[in-house]
C-alpha atoms as a PDB file:
ATOM      1  CA  UNK A   1       0.000   0.000   0.000  1.00  0.00           C
ATOM      2  CA  UNK A   2       1.546   3.353  -0.984  1.00  0.00           C
ATOM      3  CA  UNK A   3       2.210   5.780   1.786  1.00  0.00           C
ATOM      4  CA  UNK A   4      -0.221   8.689   2.076  1.00  0.00           C
ATOM      5  CA  UNK A   5       2.430  11.170   3.097  1.00  0.00           C
ATOM      6  CA  UNK A   6       0.282  13.417   5.293  1.00  0.00           C
ATOM      7  CA  UNK A   7      -0.303  13.041   8.983  1.00  0.00           C
ATOM      8  CA  UNK A   8      -3.977  12.501   9.792  1.00  0.00           C
ATOM      9  CA  UNK A   9      -3.846  15.434  12.226  1.00  0.00           C
ATOM     10  CA  UNK A  10      -2.645  17.668   9.374  1.00  0.00           C
ATOM     11  CA  UNK A  11      -5.498  16.468   7.177  1.00  0.00           C
ATOM     12  CA  UNK A  12      -8.045  17.018   9.959  1.00  0.00           C
ATOM     13  CA  UNK A  13      -6.627  20.507  10.496  1.00  0.00           C
ATOM     14  CA  UNK A  14      -6.975  21.290   6.772  1.00  0.00           C
ATOM     15  CA  UNK A  15     -10.570  20.023   6.756  1.00  0.00           C
ATOM     16  CA  UNK A  16     -11.420  22.245   9.735  1.00  0.00           C
ATOM     17  CA  UNK A  17      -9.833  25.201   7.932  1.00  0.00           C
ATOM     18  CA  UNK A  18     -11.983  24.574   4.836  1.00  0.00           C
ATOM     19  CA  UNK A  19     -15.141  24.286   6.956  1.00  0.00           C
ATOM     20  CA  UNK A  20     -14.438  27.299   9.185  1.00  0.00           C
ATOM     21  CA  UNK A  21     -13.543  29.609   6.294  1.00  0.00           C
ATOM     22  CA  UNK A  22     -16.276  28.323   3.997  1.00  0.00           C
ATOM     23  CA  UNK A  23     -13.756  27.540   1.270  1.00  0.00           C
ATOM     24  CA  UNK A  24     -14.840  25.857  -1.933  1.00  0.00           C
ATOM     25  CA  UNK A  25     -11.514  24.077  -2.304  1.00  0.00           C
ATOM     26  CA  UNK A  26      -8.076  23.962  -0.689  1.00  0.00           C
ATOM     27  CA  UNK A  27      -5.020  22.461  -2.379  1.00  0.00           C
ATOM     28  CA  UNK A  28      -1.734  21.941  -0.559  1.00  0.00           C
ATOM     29  CA  UNK A  29       1.473  20.753  -2.160  1.00  0.00           C
ATOM     30  CA  UNK A  30       4.546  20.129  -0.065  1.00  0.00           C
ATOM     31  CA  UNK A  31       7.680  18.118  -0.833  1.00  0.00           C
ATOM     32  CA  UNK A  32       6.033  16.395  -3.782  1.00  0.00           C
ATOM     33  CA  UNK A  33       2.954  15.525  -1.761  1.00  0.00           C
ATOM     34  CA  UNK A  34      -0.360  17.004  -2.828  1.00  0.00           C
ATOM     35  CA  UNK A  35      -3.783  17.030  -1.210  1.00  0.00           C
ATOM     36  CA  UNK A  36      -6.971  18.744  -2.360  1.00  0.00           C
ATOM     37  CA  UNK A  37      -9.948  19.168  -0.069  1.00  0.00           C
ATOM     38  CA  UNK A  38     -13.282  20.336  -1.444  1.00  0.00           C
ATOM     39  CA  UNK A  39     -15.686  22.084   0.857  1.00  0.00           C
ATOM     40  CA  UNK A  40     -19.424  22.340   0.745  1.00  0.00           C
ATOM     41  CA  UNK A  41     -20.353  25.673  -0.760  1.00  0.00           C
ATOM     42  CA  UNK A  42     -23.819  26.828   0.189  1.00  0.00           C
ATOM     43  CA  UNK A  43     -25.830  27.907  -2.778  1.00  0.00           C
ATOM     44  CA  UNK A  44     -28.605  30.428  -2.871  1.00  0.00           C
ATOM     45  CA  UNK A  45     -31.944  28.981  -1.882  1.00  0.00           C
ATOM     46  CA  UNK A  46     -34.130  28.198  -4.866  1.00  0.00           C
ATOM     47  CA  UNK A  47     -36.377  31.005  -5.975  1.00  0.00           C
ATOM     48  CA  UNK A  48     -39.768  30.747  -4.381  1.00  0.00           C
ATOM     49  CA  UNK A  49     -42.322  29.189  -6.655  1.00  0.00           C
ATOM     50  CA  UNK A  50     -45.397  31.364  -6.627  1.00  0.00           C
ATOM     51  CA  UNK A  51     -48.468  29.666  -5.292  1.00  0.00           C
ATOM     52  CA  UNK A  52     -51.303  29.114  -7.681  1.00  0.00           C
ATOM     53  CA  UNK A  53     -52.833  32.492  -8.072  1.00  0.00           C
ATOM     54  CA  UNK A  54     -56.448  33.245  -7.480  1.00  0.00           C
ATOM     55  CA  UNK A  55     -58.365  33.979 -10.647  1.00  0.00           C
ATOM     56  CA  UNK A  56     -58.242  37.630 -11.567  1.00  0.00           C
ATOM     57  CA  UNK A  57     -61.084  39.549 -13.125  1.00  0.00           C
ATOM     58  CA  UNK A  58     -60.729  40.503 -16.794  1.00  0.00           C
ATOM     59  CA  UNK A  59     -62.620  43.572 -17.899  1.00  0.00           C
ATOM     60  CA  UNK A  60     -64.851  42.742 -20.840  1.00  0.00           C
ATOM     61  CA  UNK A  61     -64.254  44.595 -24.056  1.00  0.00           C
ATOM     62  CA  UNK A  62     -66.629  47.486 -24.469  1.00  0.00           C
ATOM     63  CA  UNK A  63     -68.512  47.875 -27.746  1.00  0.00           C
ATOM     64  CA  UNK A  64     -67.583  50.933 -29.784  1.00  0.00           C
ATOM     65  CA  UNK A  65     -71.017  52.457 -29.243  1.00  0.00           C
ATOM     66  CA  UNK A  66     -73.200  52.193 -26.198  1.00  0.00           C
ATOM     67  CA  UNK A  67     -76.759  50.954 -26.317  1.00  0.00           C
ATOM     68  CA  UNK A  68     -78.346  47.583 -26.858  1.00  0.00           C
ATOM     69  CA  UNK A  69     -75.989  44.689 -27.583  1.00  0.00           C
ATOM     70  CA  UNK A  70     -75.812  43.571 -31.216  1.00  0.00           C
ATOM     71  CA  UNK A  71     -78.311  40.758 -31.721  1.00  0.00           C
ATOM     72  CA  UNK A  72     -77.880  37.779 -33.999  1.00  0.00           C
ATOM     73  CA  UNK A  73     -80.658  36.991 -36.477  1.00  0.00           C
ATOM     74  CA  UNK A  74     -82.303  34.746 -33.881  1.00  0.00           C
ATOM     75  CA  UNK A  75     -82.280  37.440 -31.143  1.00  0.00           C
ATOM     76  CA  UNK A  76     -79.247  36.032 -29.335  1.00  0.00           C
ATOM     77  CA  UNK A  77     -76.230  37.948 -28.061  1.00  0.00           C
ATOM     78  CA  UNK A  78     -72.776  36.360 -27.764  1.00  0.00           C
ATOM     79  CA  UNK A  79     -70.599  36.560 -24.663  1.00  0.00           C
ATOM     80  CA  UNK A  80     -67.084  36.485 -26.096  1.00  0.00           C
ATOM     81  CA  UNK A  81     -63.616  35.592 -24.848  1.00  0.00           C
ATOM     82  CA  UNK A  82     -61.719  38.712 -23.715  1.00  0.00           C
ATOM     83  CA  UNK A  83     -58.348  37.055 -24.406  1.00  0.00           C
ATOM     84  CA  UNK A  84     -56.626  33.992 -25.854  1.00  0.00           C
ATOM     85  CA  UNK A  85     -56.334  30.967 -23.554  1.00  0.00           C
ATOM     86  CA  UNK A  86     -57.930  27.738 -22.392  1.00  0.00           C
ATOM     87  CA  UNK A  87     -61.567  28.187 -21.377  1.00  0.00           C
ATOM     88  CA  UNK A  88     -62.942  26.367 -18.340  1.00  0.00           C
ATOM     89  CA  UNK A  89     -66.658  26.323 -17.543  1.00  0.00           C
ATOM     90  CA  UNK A  90     -66.150  25.542 -13.841  1.00  0.00           C
ATOM     91  CA  UNK A  91     -63.754  26.677 -11.093  1.00  0.00           C
ATOM     92  CA  UNK A  92     -62.351  23.150 -10.654  1.00  0.00           C
ATOM     93  CA  UNK A  93     -62.654  19.819 -12.481  1.00  0.00           C
ATOM     94  CA  UNK A  94     -65.174  18.384 -10.006  1.00  0.00           C
ATOM     95  CA  UNK A  95     -67.242  21.560  -9.546  1.00  0.00           C
ATOM     96  CA  UNK A  96     -70.467  22.466 -11.308  1.00  0.00           C
ATOM     97  CA  UNK A  97     -70.214  24.881 -14.254  1.00  0.00           C
ATOM     98  CA  UNK A  98     -70.521  28.592 -13.527  1.00  0.00           C
ATOM     99  CA  UNK A  99     -73.545  28.725 -15.868  1.00  0.00           C
ATOM    100  CA  UNK A 100     -75.535  26.282 -17.965  1.00  0.00           C
ATOM    101  CA  UNK A 101     -78.297  26.454 -20.565  1.00  0.00           C
ATOM    102  CA  UNK A 102     -81.416  27.970 -19.003  1.00  0.00           C
ATOM    103  CA  UNK A 103     -79.552  29.898 -16.294  1.00  0.00           C
ATOM    104  CA  UNK A 104     -80.183  33.616 -15.817  1.00  0.00           C
ATOM    105  CA  UNK A 105     -76.993  35.700 -16.120  1.00  0.00           C
ATOM    106  CA  UNK A 106     -76.444  39.282 -14.990  1.00  0.00           C
ATOM    107  CA  UNK A 107     -73.920  41.612 -16.641  1.00  0.00           C
ATOM    108  CA  UNK A 108     -70.637  41.237 -14.754  1.00  0.00           C
ATOM    109  CA  UNK A 109     -71.429  37.717 -13.491  1.00  0.00           C
ATOM    110  CA  UNK A 110     -68.573  35.217 -13.925  1.00  0.00           C
ATOM    111  CA  UNK A 111     -69.401  32.711 -16.669  1.00  0.00           C
ATOM    112  CA  UNK A 112     -66.038  30.905 -16.836  1.00  0.00           C
ATOM    113  CA  UNK A 113     -62.273  31.090 -16.430  1.00  0.00           C
ATOM    114  CA  UNK A 114     -59.567  31.478 -19.062  1.00  0.00           C
ATOM    115  CA  UNK A 115     -56.060  30.203 -18.358  1.00  0.00           C
ATOM    116  CA  UNK A 116     -53.220  31.945 -20.168  1.00  0.00           C
ATOM    117  CA  UNK A 117     -49.578  31.364 -19.191  1.00  0.00           C
ATOM    118  CA  UNK A 118     -50.558  29.670 -15.905  1.00  0.00           C
ATOM    119  CA  UNK A 119     -52.707  32.645 -14.868  1.00  0.00           C
ATOM    120  CA  UNK A 120     -56.413  32.024 -14.381  1.00  0.00           C
ATOM    121  CA  UNK A 121     -58.670  34.965 -15.231  1.00  0.00           C
ATOM    122  CA  UNK A 122     -62.377  35.125 -14.492  1.00  0.00           C
ATOM    123  CA  UNK A 123     -64.557  35.898 -17.494  1.00  0.00           C
ATOM    124  CA  UNK A 124     -67.517  38.134 -16.651  1.00  0.00           C
ATOM    125  CA  UNK A 125     -70.579  38.300 -18.872  1.00  0.00           C
ATOM    126  CA  UNK A 126     -70.840  41.472 -20.906  1.00  0.00           C
ATOM    127  CA  UNK A 127     -74.639  41.276 -20.980  1.00  0.00           C
ATOM    128  CA  UNK A 128     -77.677  40.163 -18.978  1.00  0.00           C
ATOM    129  CA  UNK A 129     -80.001  37.450 -20.191  1.00  0.00           C
ATOM    130  CA  UNK A 130     -80.787  33.743 -20.207  1.00  0.00           C
ATOM    131  CA  UNK A 131     -78.205  31.243 -21.480  1.00  0.00           C
ATOM    132  CA  UNK A 132     -79.556  29.596 -24.642  1.00  0.00           C
ATOM    133  CA  UNK A 133     -76.362  27.913 -25.877  1.00  0.00           C
ATOM    134  CA  UNK A 134     -72.898  27.063 -24.578  1.00  0.00           C
ATOM    135  CA  UNK A 135     -70.655  27.482 -27.623  1.00  0.00           C
ATOM    136  CA  UNK A 136     -67.350  26.160 -26.226  1.00  0.00           C
ATOM    137  CA  UNK A 137     -66.578  22.872 -24.497  1.00  0.00           C
ATOM    138  CA  UNK A 138     -64.652  22.794 -21.215  1.00  0.00           C
ATOM    139  CA  UNK A 139     -60.860  22.847 -21.727  1.00  0.00           C
ATOM    140  CA  UNK A 140     -60.994  24.334 -25.238  1.00  0.00           C
ATOM    141  CA  UNK A 141     -58.391  26.789 -26.521  1.00  0.00           C
ATOM    142  CA  UNK A 142     -60.233  29.998 -27.432  1.00  0.00           C
ATOM    143  CA  UNK A 143     -59.175  33.154 -29.232  1.00  0.00           C
ATOM    144  CA  UNK A 144     -60.041  36.722 -28.306  1.00  0.00           C
ATOM    145  CA  UNK A 145     -63.537  37.618 -29.485  1.00  0.00           C
ATOM    146  CA  UNK A 146     -64.657  33.993 -29.902  1.00  0.00           C
ATOM    147  CA  UNK A 147     -68.219  33.394 -28.617  1.00  0.00           C
ATOM    148  CA  UNK A 148     -68.233  31.374 -25.383  1.00  0.00           C
ATOM    149  CA  UNK A 149     -71.993  31.280 -24.920  1.00  0.00           C
ATOM    150  CA  UNK A 150     -75.136  32.908 -26.238  1.00  0.00           C
ATOM    151  CA  UNK A 151     -77.786  34.735 -24.227  1.00  0.00           C
ATOM    152  CA  UNK A 152     -81.354  35.713 -24.962  1.00  0.00           C
ATOM    153  CA  UNK A 153     -81.341  39.291 -23.633  1.00  0.00           C
ATOM    154  CA  UNK A 154     -84.073  40.534 -21.331  1.00  0.00           C
END
């Protein structure tokens, strides 16, 4: 077995020096003998991962002119997506939808959630009325201005 060349007390002393000074590495060479001791360097704690955010309210787009909402030929008005993202009809997978066909909706009432870049935004209805059709399935990618549901206005 080849001789180590360093006294164990010397090695222990070098290890203590590395630990006490917080050194990343210490190399000693003496009379052809060499020893390298690597210390534990504390790293910065990982950046905090933000908790899932609560849905934020998205302001609906306002029509260019005020007055009655534009009606389709069959007297329906569309509630449209205010932004691009994935549309969800309910607040969680096992929860009931915010609204369904036959439900009465008030202007400003939340009718769904759109997820864009891991941010969930509530989608308020732009109009009041009764839901006559749900135009988008749960979990569908929607584009801005795409009808999400149709209302029969009051």
